[in-house]
Each structure stands twice: as C-alpha cells, then as structure tokens.
N, C-alpha and C. Protein backbone atom coordinates (compact mmCIF):
# COMPACT_ATOMS: atom_id res chain seq x y z
N THR A 1 28.56 62.99 99.21
CA THR A 1 29.81 62.35 98.83
C THR A 1 31.00 63.13 99.39
N LYS A 2 32.16 62.48 99.35
CA LYS A 2 33.34 63.09 99.97
C LYS A 2 33.79 64.37 99.29
N ASP A 3 33.40 64.57 98.04
CA ASP A 3 33.82 65.75 97.28
C ASP A 3 32.84 66.92 97.38
N GLN A 4 31.71 66.72 98.04
CA GLN A 4 30.75 67.81 98.19
C GLN A 4 31.23 68.80 99.26
N PRO A 5 30.80 70.06 99.15
CA PRO A 5 31.21 71.05 100.15
C PRO A 5 30.47 70.85 101.47
N LEU A 6 31.06 71.36 102.54
CA LEU A 6 30.45 71.26 103.86
C LEU A 6 29.04 71.86 103.89
N LEU A 7 28.81 72.88 103.07
CA LEU A 7 27.49 73.50 103.05
C LEU A 7 26.40 72.50 102.69
N ASP A 8 26.69 71.59 101.75
CA ASP A 8 25.72 70.55 101.39
C ASP A 8 25.42 69.66 102.59
N ALA A 9 26.46 69.33 103.35
CA ALA A 9 26.26 68.49 104.54
C ALA A 9 25.44 69.22 105.60
N ILE A 10 25.72 70.50 105.80
CA ILE A 10 24.95 71.28 106.77
C ILE A 10 23.47 71.28 106.39
N ASN A 11 23.19 71.43 105.12
CA ASN A 11 21.80 71.42 104.66
C ASN A 11 21.12 70.07 104.92
N LEU A 12 21.88 68.97 104.75
CA LEU A 12 21.34 67.64 105.04
C LEU A 12 21.07 67.46 106.53
N PHE A 13 21.99 67.95 107.35
CA PHE A 13 21.78 67.89 108.81
C PHE A 13 20.46 68.58 109.19
N GLN A 14 20.25 69.74 108.61
CA GLN A 14 19.05 70.50 108.93
C GLN A 14 17.79 69.84 108.38
N LYS A 15 17.88 69.33 107.15
CA LYS A 15 16.70 68.76 106.50
C LYS A 15 16.21 67.51 107.22
N TYR A 16 17.15 66.65 107.65
CA TYR A 16 16.76 65.37 108.23
C TYR A 16 16.90 65.33 109.75
N HIS A 17 17.29 66.47 110.35
CA HIS A 17 17.42 66.57 111.81
C HIS A 17 18.36 65.49 112.36
N LYS A 18 19.45 65.29 111.65
CA LYS A 18 20.48 64.36 112.08
C LYS A 18 21.74 65.13 112.44
N HIS A 19 22.60 64.51 113.24
CA HIS A 19 23.87 65.16 113.54
C HIS A 19 25.07 64.29 113.17
N ARG A 20 24.82 63.13 112.51
CA ARG A 20 25.88 62.27 112.01
C ARG A 20 25.40 61.59 110.74
N ILE A 21 26.18 61.70 109.66
CA ILE A 21 25.78 61.08 108.40
C ILE A 21 26.99 60.41 107.75
N PRO A 22 26.77 59.35 106.97
CA PRO A 22 27.89 58.65 106.32
C PRO A 22 28.38 59.40 105.08
N VAL A 23 29.66 59.16 104.77
CA VAL A 23 30.31 59.78 103.61
C VAL A 23 30.73 58.67 102.65
N VAL A 24 30.43 58.85 101.37
CA VAL A 24 30.75 57.86 100.35
C VAL A 24 31.44 58.54 99.17
N ASP A 25 31.96 57.71 98.24
CA ASP A 25 32.45 58.26 96.98
C ASP A 25 31.35 58.14 95.93
N GLU A 26 31.67 58.44 94.69
CA GLU A 26 30.64 58.45 93.64
C GLU A 26 30.12 57.05 93.32
N TYR A 27 30.79 56.01 93.84
CA TYR A 27 30.35 54.63 93.61
C TYR A 27 29.70 54.02 94.86
N SER A 28 29.39 54.85 95.83
CA SER A 28 28.78 54.43 97.11
C SER A 28 29.71 53.62 97.99
N ASN A 29 31.03 53.69 97.74
CA ASN A 29 31.99 53.08 98.66
C ASN A 29 32.04 53.91 99.94
N TYR A 30 32.02 53.23 101.07
CA TYR A 30 31.99 53.93 102.35
C TYR A 30 33.36 54.51 102.70
N PHE A 31 33.39 55.77 103.16
CA PHE A 31 34.64 56.43 103.52
C PHE A 31 34.73 56.81 104.99
N GLY A 32 33.63 57.22 105.60
CA GLY A 32 33.68 57.63 106.99
C GLY A 32 32.37 58.28 107.40
N MET A 33 32.37 58.85 108.61
CA MET A 33 31.19 59.51 109.13
C MET A 33 31.48 61.00 109.33
N LEU A 34 30.49 61.81 109.04
CA LEU A 34 30.60 63.25 109.21
C LEU A 34 29.72 63.67 110.37
N SER A 35 30.32 64.38 111.31
CA SER A 35 29.62 64.78 112.53
C SER A 35 29.43 66.29 112.56
N LEU A 36 28.22 66.73 112.84
CA LEU A 36 27.95 68.15 112.97
C LEU A 36 28.76 68.75 114.11
N PHE A 37 28.94 68.00 115.19
CA PHE A 37 29.73 68.48 116.33
C PHE A 37 31.18 68.72 115.92
N ASP A 38 31.76 67.79 115.16
CA ASP A 38 33.15 67.96 114.73
C ASP A 38 33.32 69.17 113.83
N ILE A 39 32.36 69.38 112.93
CA ILE A 39 32.44 70.53 112.03
C ILE A 39 32.42 71.84 112.81
N THR A 40 31.46 71.97 113.71
CA THR A 40 31.34 73.23 114.46
C THR A 40 32.52 73.43 115.40
N SER A 41 33.03 72.35 115.98
CA SER A 41 34.18 72.47 116.89
C SER A 41 35.40 73.00 116.16
N LYS A 42 35.62 72.49 114.94
CA LYS A 42 36.79 72.91 114.18
C LYS A 42 36.62 74.31 113.60
N LEU A 43 35.42 74.63 113.14
CA LEU A 43 35.20 75.94 112.53
C LEU A 43 35.30 77.07 113.55
N PHE A 44 34.95 76.79 114.79
CA PHE A 44 34.95 77.85 115.79
C PHE A 44 36.09 77.72 116.78
N SER A 45 37.18 77.12 116.33
CA SER A 45 38.38 77.04 117.13
C SER A 45 39.56 77.36 116.25
N ALA A 46 40.69 77.64 116.87
CA ALA A 46 41.90 77.97 116.10
C ALA A 46 42.53 76.69 115.58
N ALA A 47 43.36 76.84 114.56
CA ALA A 47 44.08 75.68 114.02
C ALA A 47 45.08 75.17 115.03
N ASN A 48 45.21 73.82 115.13
CA ASN A 48 46.18 73.23 116.05
C ASN A 48 47.59 73.23 115.46
N ASN A 49 47.69 73.17 114.15
CA ASN A 49 48.99 73.20 113.50
C ASN A 49 48.81 73.68 112.07
N GLU A 50 49.93 73.92 111.39
CA GLU A 50 49.87 74.52 110.06
C GLU A 50 49.24 73.61 109.02
N SER A 51 49.17 72.30 109.31
CA SER A 51 48.61 71.36 108.33
C SER A 51 47.11 71.21 108.45
N ASP A 52 46.48 71.84 109.45
CA ASP A 52 45.03 71.73 109.60
C ASP A 52 44.33 72.27 108.37
N THR A 53 43.42 71.47 107.83
CA THR A 53 42.68 71.88 106.64
C THR A 53 41.43 72.66 107.01
N LEU A 54 40.70 72.15 107.98
CA LEU A 54 39.48 72.81 108.41
C LEU A 54 39.80 73.57 109.68
N VAL A 55 39.98 74.88 109.57
CA VAL A 55 40.41 75.67 110.71
C VAL A 55 39.36 76.72 111.03
N GLY A 56 39.65 77.51 112.07
CA GLY A 56 38.67 78.44 112.61
C GLY A 56 38.16 79.47 111.62
N MET A 57 36.98 79.99 111.93
CA MET A 57 36.33 80.96 111.05
C MET A 57 37.18 82.22 110.87
N LEU A 58 38.03 82.54 111.85
CA LEU A 58 38.83 83.76 111.77
C LEU A 58 40.15 83.53 111.04
N ASP A 59 40.51 82.29 110.76
CA ASP A 59 41.74 82.01 110.06
C ASP A 59 41.55 82.30 108.57
N ARG A 60 42.60 82.72 107.90
CA ARG A 60 42.50 83.11 106.49
C ARG A 60 42.51 81.91 105.54
N LYS A 61 43.04 80.76 105.99
CA LYS A 61 43.21 79.64 105.07
C LYS A 61 41.92 78.86 104.89
N VAL A 62 41.65 78.47 103.64
CA VAL A 62 40.54 77.58 103.34
C VAL A 62 40.98 76.64 102.23
N THR A 63 40.71 75.35 102.41
CA THR A 63 41.05 74.35 101.40
C THR A 63 39.81 74.06 100.57
N THR A 64 39.88 74.39 99.30
CA THR A 64 38.70 74.26 98.45
C THR A 64 39.13 74.21 96.99
N SER A 65 38.18 74.26 96.09
CA SER A 65 38.44 74.39 94.66
C SER A 65 37.61 75.55 94.13
N ILE A 66 37.92 76.00 92.94
CA ILE A 66 37.15 77.09 92.35
C ILE A 66 35.69 76.67 92.16
N LYS A 67 35.47 75.43 91.72
CA LYS A 67 34.11 74.94 91.51
C LYS A 67 33.33 74.90 92.82
N LEU A 68 33.95 74.41 93.89
CA LEU A 68 33.25 74.34 95.17
C LEU A 68 33.01 75.73 95.75
N ALA A 69 33.95 76.64 95.56
CA ALA A 69 33.77 78.01 96.02
C ALA A 69 32.61 78.66 95.29
N ALA A 70 32.54 78.45 93.98
CA ALA A 70 31.44 79.02 93.19
C ALA A 70 30.09 78.47 93.63
N LYS A 71 30.04 77.18 93.88
CA LYS A 71 28.79 76.55 94.32
C LYS A 71 28.34 77.10 95.67
N THR A 72 29.27 77.20 96.60
CA THR A 72 28.94 77.65 97.96
C THR A 72 28.51 79.12 97.98
N LEU A 73 29.16 79.94 97.17
CA LEU A 73 28.83 81.36 97.11
C LEU A 73 27.67 81.66 96.18
N GLU A 74 27.16 80.60 95.50
CA GLU A 74 26.13 80.78 94.47
C GLU A 74 26.57 81.86 93.49
N ALA A 75 27.80 81.71 93.03
CA ALA A 75 28.47 82.75 92.25
C ALA A 75 28.43 82.45 90.75
N GLU A 76 28.45 83.51 89.98
CA GLU A 76 28.63 83.42 88.54
C GLU A 76 30.11 83.24 88.26
N ILE A 77 30.45 82.30 87.40
CA ILE A 77 31.84 82.08 87.04
C ILE A 77 32.19 82.96 85.84
N ILE A 78 32.99 83.98 86.10
CA ILE A 78 33.41 84.90 85.04
C ILE A 78 34.59 84.32 84.27
N ASN A 79 35.52 83.74 85.00
CA ASN A 79 36.66 83.06 84.38
C ASN A 79 37.12 81.96 85.33
N GLU A 80 37.53 80.82 84.78
CA GLU A 80 37.99 79.74 85.63
C GLU A 80 39.25 79.12 85.05
N TYR A 81 40.11 78.69 85.96
CA TYR A 81 41.37 78.06 85.60
C TYR A 81 41.67 76.98 86.63
N ARG A 82 41.95 75.76 86.20
CA ARG A 82 42.15 74.62 87.10
C ARG A 82 41.05 74.60 88.16
N GLU A 83 39.81 74.64 87.68
CA GLU A 83 38.67 74.85 88.57
C GLU A 83 38.36 73.67 89.48
N LEU A 84 38.84 72.48 89.16
CA LEU A 84 38.55 71.30 89.98
C LEU A 84 39.65 70.98 90.98
N GLU A 85 40.75 71.68 90.90
CA GLU A 85 41.90 71.41 91.77
C GLU A 85 41.63 71.86 93.20
N GLN A 86 41.79 70.96 94.16
CA GLN A 86 41.64 71.30 95.57
C GLN A 86 42.97 71.85 96.08
N GLU A 87 42.93 72.99 96.73
CA GLU A 87 44.16 73.66 97.15
C GLU A 87 43.90 74.57 98.33
N ASP A 88 44.98 74.99 98.99
CA ASP A 88 44.89 75.94 100.08
C ASP A 88 44.87 77.36 99.52
N LEU A 89 43.85 78.12 99.90
CA LEU A 89 43.75 79.52 99.51
C LEU A 89 43.76 80.38 100.77
N TYR A 90 44.37 81.54 100.67
CA TYR A 90 44.41 82.48 101.79
C TYR A 90 43.57 83.70 101.40
N VAL A 91 42.54 83.95 102.19
CA VAL A 91 41.49 84.90 101.82
C VAL A 91 41.76 86.27 102.44
N TYR A 92 41.73 87.29 101.59
CA TYR A 92 41.90 88.68 102.04
C TYR A 92 40.78 89.54 101.47
N VAL A 93 40.29 90.45 102.30
CA VAL A 93 39.30 91.43 101.85
C VAL A 93 40.02 92.72 101.52
N ALA A 94 39.70 93.30 100.37
CA ALA A 94 40.34 94.54 99.93
C ALA A 94 39.73 95.72 100.67
N ALA A 95 40.25 95.97 101.88
CA ALA A 95 39.70 97.05 102.71
C ALA A 95 40.76 98.09 103.06
N GLN A 96 41.92 98.01 102.39
CA GLN A 96 43.01 98.93 102.67
C GLN A 96 43.27 99.82 101.46
N ASN A 97 44.17 100.81 101.67
CA ASN A 97 44.52 101.64 100.52
C ASN A 97 45.37 100.84 99.55
N LEU A 98 45.52 101.35 98.35
CA LEU A 98 46.13 100.60 97.26
C LEU A 98 47.56 100.17 97.57
N LEU A 99 48.38 101.05 98.08
CA LEU A 99 49.78 100.73 98.32
C LEU A 99 49.95 99.70 99.42
N THR A 100 49.19 99.86 100.50
CA THR A 100 49.28 98.90 101.61
C THR A 100 48.81 97.53 101.16
N PHE A 101 47.73 97.50 100.40
CA PHE A 101 47.19 96.23 99.96
C PHE A 101 48.14 95.54 99.00
N ARG A 102 48.83 96.29 98.17
CA ARG A 102 49.76 95.70 97.21
C ARG A 102 50.87 94.94 97.94
N LYS A 103 51.32 95.43 99.08
CA LYS A 103 52.37 94.75 99.84
C LYS A 103 51.91 93.37 100.29
N HIS A 104 50.63 93.26 100.64
CA HIS A 104 50.08 91.98 101.09
C HIS A 104 50.00 90.98 99.94
N ILE A 105 49.52 91.42 98.80
CA ILE A 105 49.24 90.46 97.74
C ILE A 105 50.47 90.10 96.92
N LEU A 106 51.59 90.79 97.11
CA LEU A 106 52.81 90.44 96.40
C LEU A 106 53.47 89.19 96.99
N GLN A 107 53.05 88.79 98.19
CA GLN A 107 53.60 87.61 98.84
C GLN A 107 52.77 86.38 98.43
N GLU A 108 53.35 85.53 97.60
CA GLU A 108 52.69 84.31 97.11
C GLU A 108 51.29 84.58 96.56
N PRO A 109 51.17 85.44 95.57
CA PRO A 109 49.84 85.77 95.02
C PRO A 109 49.11 84.56 94.45
N GLU A 110 49.85 83.53 94.02
CA GLU A 110 49.22 82.36 93.40
C GLU A 110 48.38 81.55 94.39
N HIS A 111 48.46 81.87 95.69
CA HIS A 111 47.67 81.18 96.71
C HIS A 111 46.60 82.08 97.32
N LEU A 112 46.38 83.25 96.74
CA LEU A 112 45.48 84.22 97.34
C LEU A 112 44.09 84.22 96.69
N ALA A 113 43.09 84.41 97.54
CA ALA A 113 41.73 84.69 97.09
C ALA A 113 41.38 86.08 97.61
N ILE A 114 41.17 87.02 96.71
CA ILE A 114 40.90 88.40 97.08
C ILE A 114 39.42 88.68 96.93
N VAL A 115 38.82 89.23 97.99
CA VAL A 115 37.40 89.57 98.00
C VAL A 115 37.29 91.09 97.85
N VAL A 116 36.58 91.53 96.82
CA VAL A 116 36.52 92.97 96.54
C VAL A 116 35.19 93.30 95.89
N GLY A 117 34.77 94.56 96.04
CA GLY A 117 33.54 95.02 95.41
C GLY A 117 33.81 95.70 94.09
N ASP A 118 33.35 96.95 93.96
CA ASP A 118 33.45 97.65 92.67
C ASP A 118 34.69 98.53 92.56
N ARG A 119 35.76 98.16 93.24
CA ARG A 119 37.00 98.94 93.17
C ARG A 119 37.83 98.47 91.98
N ASP A 120 37.78 99.23 90.89
CA ASP A 120 38.51 98.86 89.69
C ASP A 120 40.01 98.79 89.94
N ASP A 121 40.55 99.67 90.79
CA ASP A 121 41.99 99.71 91.04
C ASP A 121 42.47 98.42 91.71
N ILE A 122 41.69 97.91 92.68
CA ILE A 122 42.06 96.66 93.34
C ILE A 122 41.89 95.48 92.39
N GLN A 123 40.82 95.48 91.64
CA GLN A 123 40.61 94.41 90.67
C GLN A 123 41.80 94.32 89.70
N TYR A 124 42.20 95.46 89.19
CA TYR A 124 43.31 95.51 88.23
C TYR A 124 44.60 95.00 88.87
N MET A 125 44.91 95.50 90.09
CA MET A 125 46.15 95.12 90.75
C MET A 125 46.18 93.62 91.04
N ALA A 126 45.06 93.09 91.52
CA ALA A 126 45.00 91.68 91.87
C ALA A 126 45.24 90.79 90.64
N ILE A 127 44.63 91.17 89.53
CA ILE A 127 44.81 90.39 88.30
C ILE A 127 46.22 90.57 87.75
N GLU A 128 46.73 91.78 87.83
CA GLU A 128 48.06 92.07 87.30
C GLU A 128 49.14 91.22 87.97
N VAL A 129 49.06 91.05 89.28
CA VAL A 129 50.10 90.28 90.00
C VAL A 129 49.84 88.77 89.93
N GLY A 130 48.68 88.37 89.38
CA GLY A 130 48.42 86.96 89.17
C GLY A 130 47.93 86.19 90.38
N ILE A 131 46.94 86.73 91.11
CA ILE A 131 46.38 85.99 92.23
C ILE A 131 45.64 84.76 91.72
N ARG A 132 45.28 83.87 92.63
CA ARG A 132 44.60 82.62 92.22
C ARG A 132 43.12 82.86 91.95
N LEU A 133 42.45 83.63 92.82
CA LEU A 133 41.00 83.80 92.70
C LEU A 133 40.59 85.21 93.10
N LEU A 134 39.78 85.82 92.26
CA LEU A 134 39.20 87.12 92.55
C LEU A 134 37.70 86.93 92.74
N ILE A 135 37.21 87.31 93.92
CA ILE A 135 35.78 87.20 94.23
C ILE A 135 35.19 88.59 94.26
N ILE A 136 34.30 88.87 93.34
CA ILE A 136 33.67 90.18 93.25
C ILE A 136 32.31 90.11 93.93
N THR A 137 32.11 90.97 94.91
CA THR A 137 30.90 90.90 95.74
C THR A 137 29.83 91.89 95.27
N ASN A 138 28.62 91.70 95.81
CA ASN A 138 27.48 92.59 95.53
C ASN A 138 27.19 92.70 94.03
N ASN A 139 27.53 91.66 93.29
CA ASN A 139 27.32 91.65 91.83
C ASN A 139 27.91 92.88 91.15
N ALA A 140 29.04 93.33 91.66
CA ALA A 140 29.69 94.53 91.11
C ALA A 140 30.22 94.26 89.70
N ARG A 141 30.42 95.32 88.98
CA ARG A 141 30.86 95.24 87.59
C ARG A 141 32.36 94.97 87.51
N ILE A 142 32.76 94.23 86.46
CA ILE A 142 34.17 94.10 86.10
C ILE A 142 34.25 94.29 84.60
N SER A 143 35.24 95.03 84.15
CA SER A 143 35.32 95.39 82.73
C SER A 143 35.77 94.20 81.88
N GLU A 144 35.41 94.24 80.62
CA GLU A 144 35.84 93.21 79.68
C GLU A 144 37.35 93.20 79.53
N GLU A 145 37.96 94.37 79.65
CA GLU A 145 39.41 94.46 79.56
C GLU A 145 40.07 93.64 80.67
N LEU A 146 39.53 93.74 81.90
CA LEU A 146 40.10 93.00 83.02
C LEU A 146 39.82 91.51 82.89
N ILE A 147 38.68 91.15 82.35
CA ILE A 147 38.38 89.73 82.13
C ILE A 147 39.36 89.13 81.14
N THR A 148 39.67 89.87 80.09
CA THR A 148 40.65 89.41 79.10
C THR A 148 42.02 89.25 79.75
N MET A 149 42.39 90.21 80.60
CA MET A 149 43.67 90.12 81.30
C MET A 149 43.70 88.90 82.23
N ALA A 150 42.58 88.65 82.92
CA ALA A 150 42.50 87.50 83.84
C ALA A 150 42.72 86.19 83.10
N LYS A 151 42.19 86.09 81.89
CA LYS A 151 42.37 84.87 81.10
C LYS A 151 43.84 84.67 80.74
N SER A 152 44.53 85.75 80.43
CA SER A 152 45.94 85.64 80.08
C SER A 152 46.82 85.36 81.29
N LYS A 153 46.34 85.77 82.48
CA LYS A 153 47.10 85.59 83.72
C LYS A 153 46.67 84.34 84.49
N ASN A 154 45.69 83.61 83.97
CA ASN A 154 45.15 82.42 84.64
C ASN A 154 44.58 82.74 86.03
N VAL A 155 43.87 83.85 86.10
CA VAL A 155 43.21 84.26 87.34
C VAL A 155 41.73 83.89 87.24
N SER A 156 41.25 83.09 88.17
CA SER A 156 39.83 82.74 88.21
C SER A 156 39.03 83.89 88.82
N ILE A 157 37.84 84.13 88.30
CA ILE A 157 36.99 85.22 88.79
C ILE A 157 35.59 84.69 89.06
N LEU A 158 35.08 84.95 90.25
CA LEU A 158 33.70 84.64 90.61
C LEU A 158 32.99 85.93 90.98
N ARG A 159 31.71 86.01 90.64
CA ARG A 159 30.91 87.18 91.03
C ARG A 159 29.68 86.68 91.80
N THR A 160 29.51 87.22 93.01
CA THR A 160 28.42 86.79 93.88
C THR A 160 27.58 87.97 94.33
N SER A 161 26.34 87.68 94.69
CA SER A 161 25.46 88.73 95.21
C SER A 161 25.73 89.01 96.69
N LEU A 162 26.52 88.15 97.34
CA LEU A 162 26.83 88.33 98.76
C LEU A 162 27.74 89.53 98.97
N ASP A 163 27.71 90.08 100.20
CA ASP A 163 28.66 91.14 100.53
C ASP A 163 29.99 90.50 100.94
N SER A 164 30.98 91.32 101.22
CA SER A 164 32.33 90.80 101.49
C SER A 164 32.38 89.93 102.74
N ALA A 165 31.76 90.40 103.83
CA ALA A 165 31.79 89.64 105.08
C ALA A 165 31.12 88.29 104.93
N SER A 166 29.98 88.26 104.27
CA SER A 166 29.26 87.01 104.06
C SER A 166 30.05 86.06 103.16
N SER A 167 30.70 86.62 102.16
CA SER A 167 31.49 85.79 101.24
C SER A 167 32.62 85.08 101.98
N VAL A 168 33.31 85.81 102.84
CA VAL A 168 34.42 85.21 103.61
C VAL A 168 33.90 84.10 104.51
N ARG A 169 32.78 84.33 105.19
CA ARG A 169 32.20 83.30 106.07
C ARG A 169 31.78 82.08 105.27
N MET A 170 31.11 82.30 104.14
CA MET A 170 30.60 81.18 103.36
C MET A 170 31.72 80.34 102.75
N LEU A 171 32.86 80.96 102.44
CA LEU A 171 33.97 80.21 101.85
C LEU A 171 34.43 79.08 102.76
N LYS A 172 34.30 79.25 104.07
CA LYS A 172 34.69 78.20 105.01
C LYS A 172 33.87 76.93 104.79
N PHE A 173 32.66 77.09 104.28
CA PHE A 173 31.79 75.94 104.08
C PHE A 173 31.94 75.34 102.68
N SER A 174 32.94 75.80 101.93
CA SER A 174 33.23 75.22 100.62
C SER A 174 34.27 74.10 100.71
N VAL A 175 34.79 73.86 101.92
CA VAL A 175 35.75 72.77 102.12
C VAL A 175 35.08 71.43 101.83
N PRO A 176 35.72 70.52 101.08
CA PRO A 176 35.14 69.19 100.83
C PRO A 176 34.94 68.43 102.14
N VAL A 177 33.86 67.69 102.24
CA VAL A 177 33.53 67.01 103.50
C VAL A 177 34.58 65.97 103.89
N GLU A 178 35.35 65.45 102.93
CA GLU A 178 36.34 64.42 103.28
C GLU A 178 37.37 64.94 104.27
N TYR A 179 37.58 66.26 104.32
CA TYR A 179 38.57 66.82 105.23
C TYR A 179 38.03 66.94 106.66
N ALA A 180 36.74 66.76 106.84
CA ALA A 180 36.15 66.90 108.17
C ALA A 180 35.59 65.60 108.72
N MET A 181 35.59 64.54 107.93
CA MET A 181 34.92 63.31 108.35
C MET A 181 35.79 62.50 109.31
N GLN A 182 35.13 61.57 110.02
CA GLN A 182 35.80 60.63 110.91
C GLN A 182 36.06 59.35 110.12
N SER A 183 37.29 59.14 109.70
CA SER A 183 37.59 57.98 108.86
C SER A 183 37.69 56.69 109.66
N GLU A 184 37.88 56.78 110.97
CA GLU A 184 38.03 55.59 111.80
C GLU A 184 36.75 55.24 112.54
N SER A 185 35.63 55.74 112.12
CA SER A 185 34.37 55.51 112.80
C SER A 185 33.95 54.03 112.73
N LYS A 186 33.32 53.56 113.80
CA LYS A 186 32.85 52.18 113.89
C LYS A 186 31.77 51.90 112.86
N SER A 187 31.89 50.75 112.17
CA SER A 187 30.88 50.34 111.20
C SER A 187 30.49 48.89 111.46
N PHE A 188 29.36 48.48 110.89
CA PHE A 188 28.88 47.11 111.03
C PHE A 188 28.63 46.51 109.66
N SER A 189 28.71 45.18 109.61
CA SER A 189 28.45 44.47 108.36
C SER A 189 26.96 44.17 108.23
N ILE A 190 26.51 44.10 107.02
CA ILE A 190 25.10 43.76 106.77
C ILE A 190 24.78 42.35 107.27
N ASP A 191 25.81 41.50 107.45
CA ASP A 191 25.61 40.13 107.91
C ASP A 191 25.67 39.99 109.43
N ASP A 192 26.00 41.07 110.15
CA ASP A 192 26.07 40.98 111.61
C ASP A 192 24.69 40.67 112.19
N LYS A 193 24.67 39.84 113.24
CA LYS A 193 23.43 39.53 113.93
C LYS A 193 23.13 40.61 114.96
N LEU A 194 21.89 41.08 114.98
CA LEU A 194 21.51 42.14 115.91
C LEU A 194 21.78 41.74 117.36
N ILE A 195 21.55 40.49 117.68
CA ILE A 195 21.75 40.06 119.05
C ILE A 195 23.22 40.16 119.46
N SER A 196 24.11 40.07 118.47
CA SER A 196 25.54 40.12 118.75
C SER A 196 26.06 41.54 118.89
N ILE A 197 25.43 42.49 118.21
CA ILE A 197 25.96 43.87 118.22
C ILE A 197 25.13 44.83 119.06
N ARG A 198 24.02 44.36 119.59
CA ARG A 198 23.11 45.24 120.32
C ARG A 198 23.79 45.94 121.49
N HIS A 199 24.52 45.18 122.30
CA HIS A 199 25.19 45.78 123.47
C HIS A 199 26.24 46.79 123.04
N GLU A 200 26.99 46.48 121.99
CA GLU A 200 28.04 47.39 121.51
C GLU A 200 27.44 48.71 121.04
N ILE A 201 26.30 48.62 120.37
CA ILE A 201 25.64 49.84 119.89
C ILE A 201 25.11 50.67 121.06
N LEU A 202 24.46 50.02 121.99
CA LEU A 202 23.82 50.74 123.09
C LEU A 202 24.83 51.37 124.04
N THR A 203 26.02 50.82 124.14
CA THR A 203 27.03 51.36 125.06
C THR A 203 28.04 52.28 124.38
N ALA A 204 27.94 52.45 123.06
CA ALA A 204 28.87 53.31 122.32
C ALA A 204 28.57 54.79 122.56
N ARG A 205 29.57 55.60 122.36
CA ARG A 205 29.39 57.05 122.50
C ARG A 205 28.52 57.60 121.38
N ASP A 206 28.73 57.10 120.18
CA ASP A 206 27.95 57.54 119.03
C ASP A 206 26.60 56.84 118.99
N ASP A 207 25.68 57.39 118.22
CA ASP A 207 24.36 56.75 118.14
C ASP A 207 23.91 56.45 116.70
N VAL A 208 24.76 56.74 115.71
CA VAL A 208 24.47 56.40 114.32
C VAL A 208 25.69 55.69 113.75
N PHE A 209 25.47 54.51 113.13
CA PHE A 209 26.58 53.70 112.62
C PHE A 209 26.30 53.27 111.19
N PRO A 210 27.32 53.29 110.33
CA PRO A 210 27.13 52.83 108.95
C PRO A 210 27.07 51.31 108.88
N VAL A 211 26.29 50.81 107.92
CA VAL A 211 26.22 49.38 107.64
C VAL A 211 26.73 49.17 106.23
N ILE A 212 27.73 48.29 106.08
CA ILE A 212 28.38 48.09 104.78
C ILE A 212 28.34 46.62 104.39
N ASP A 213 28.53 46.35 103.10
CA ASP A 213 28.58 44.96 102.65
C ASP A 213 30.03 44.52 102.51
N SER A 214 30.24 43.33 101.96
CA SER A 214 31.59 42.77 101.87
C SER A 214 32.48 43.53 100.89
N ASN A 215 31.90 44.36 100.04
CA ASN A 215 32.67 45.16 99.08
C ASN A 215 32.85 46.61 99.54
N ASN A 216 32.54 46.87 100.81
CA ASN A 216 32.67 48.20 101.40
C ASN A 216 31.67 49.20 100.82
N LYS A 217 30.56 48.70 100.28
CA LYS A 217 29.49 49.57 99.80
C LYS A 217 28.59 49.94 100.97
N LEU A 218 28.21 51.20 101.04
CA LEU A 218 27.29 51.63 102.09
C LEU A 218 25.89 51.12 101.78
N ILE A 219 25.29 50.39 102.74
CA ILE A 219 23.94 49.86 102.58
C ILE A 219 22.93 50.74 103.30
N GLY A 220 23.36 51.31 104.43
CA GLY A 220 22.46 52.15 105.22
C GLY A 220 23.08 52.48 106.56
N THR A 221 22.26 52.83 107.52
CA THR A 221 22.74 53.13 108.87
C THR A 221 21.88 52.40 109.89
N ILE A 222 22.44 52.21 111.06
CA ILE A 222 21.71 51.65 112.18
C ILE A 222 21.93 52.55 113.39
N THR A 223 20.92 52.76 114.21
CA THR A 223 21.00 53.70 115.33
C THR A 223 20.64 53.03 116.64
N LYS A 224 20.93 53.70 117.72
CA LYS A 224 20.56 53.19 119.04
C LYS A 224 19.05 53.03 119.16
N SER A 225 18.32 53.96 118.59
CA SER A 225 16.87 53.89 118.69
C SER A 225 16.31 52.66 117.97
N ASP A 226 17.05 52.16 116.95
CA ASP A 226 16.62 50.95 116.26
C ASP A 226 16.60 49.74 117.19
N MET A 227 17.44 49.78 118.22
CA MET A 227 17.53 48.65 119.15
C MET A 227 16.30 48.53 120.05
N ASP A 228 15.50 49.60 120.08
CA ASP A 228 14.29 49.58 120.92
C ASP A 228 13.07 49.07 120.17
N GLU A 229 13.22 48.87 118.86
CA GLU A 229 12.06 48.47 118.06
C GLU A 229 11.83 46.95 118.11
C-alpha cells in the first residue's frame, strides 16, 4: 500500500523477482506503479531541488514517520509522540565532541533525528533541546530519568540492535512508497479487449501494467509476456 515503507517494497521485489509493482490504498484503490529502477536511481543520486522527498543516500533528509522508522529499523519504541505523522527529518550521527555537536542540534531541533550509542551526555543534550527523534543504536542503555524527560519534551525514542551506520542507511528505506511511485503510469480497464491493447503493450517501454475496474479498484496486472500465451 501507499503508506508502507520502501523496505517492504524492496522485499516484495526480491520475493517475486519483479521490478514493477502496483500501489494501492487500504481499500485497494489504484494509485500508481512503483519501479525498482526509479527507487535505486533516486536513492543513489543527489536531490534535484529542496522539495525532493526521496533523495540520495548521502543526503541527511528523510521523509518518514516514527512508526515507519521503527518498523524499518526493527526498533523498540521507548517513547513516541505524533508517531503516525509523516514529516521531513534531518539525520545526524553523534560523532563529535559535546560542544561542537550542540551547535548543530540547536538549529531547528524539532526536525532532527539524532543517532547515538551509549553516550549519556549526547542523549541528555538531545532530549534537553527537544529534538524530534532519538535513535539509540546497538541496543544501548538509556536511563529512566532520560525517558521521563523525553516524555515531558515530546521526544520520540527508538532503540535498535543496528549500529549507527546501518541505522542511517536503513532510515532511507522508511520513506512511504507513495513518494516514489509513478502516478501517471499507463493502466488498462478490465473490459479492454486484448486484441485492441496488444500492440500498445508490446511496444511500450514498460512491461507490467495495472488492470483496474470502473471504480478504480486494482484487479491485477498484465505483462508483455502475457501477450505470448
């Protein structure tokens, strides 16, 4: 569905050996097509403009929600606040000294996701200034005192077994698939005659097409290889 993270789509691509799959909402209404090529092209390239949602792996911005981030990181939710809200987060790894790092996180802390291990000083500072999300890696400990403070500051906290580098990479795949899909992709009606659409399918650039009914419900897909049967 359009609200699932990209990681779910990647797993489907691998499981079924497909490189294009349809995207629907929770009622099976058709929304668009998701292409493995488009995902990889965007993830491994720089952003074209500031409004790009799905940008390169080296860019700090990721559009996601706390729930999707937790699912993708297979993380324990220590504290959550507005966990379903999709928003732009800017990801930083706590790899600097305390004073230098504080300068970074004082700029719009409400949009920051800080990745840190067992550094109590960074955990405290991040929660104190009110960042949006604290990701604790390697299943490191966080004190009950800091958890209580996070609740009062509306700071969400996730704890994952991943290391910091892996956590940052995996967060890119927590983006909802609707931000990467092709909304203008060609579709066919369930009432179309095969003899009428055969040439269009065989000469198209794509090789997988959604089939929908009169209510825009996804019925299935049709492929170029189907034309040979």
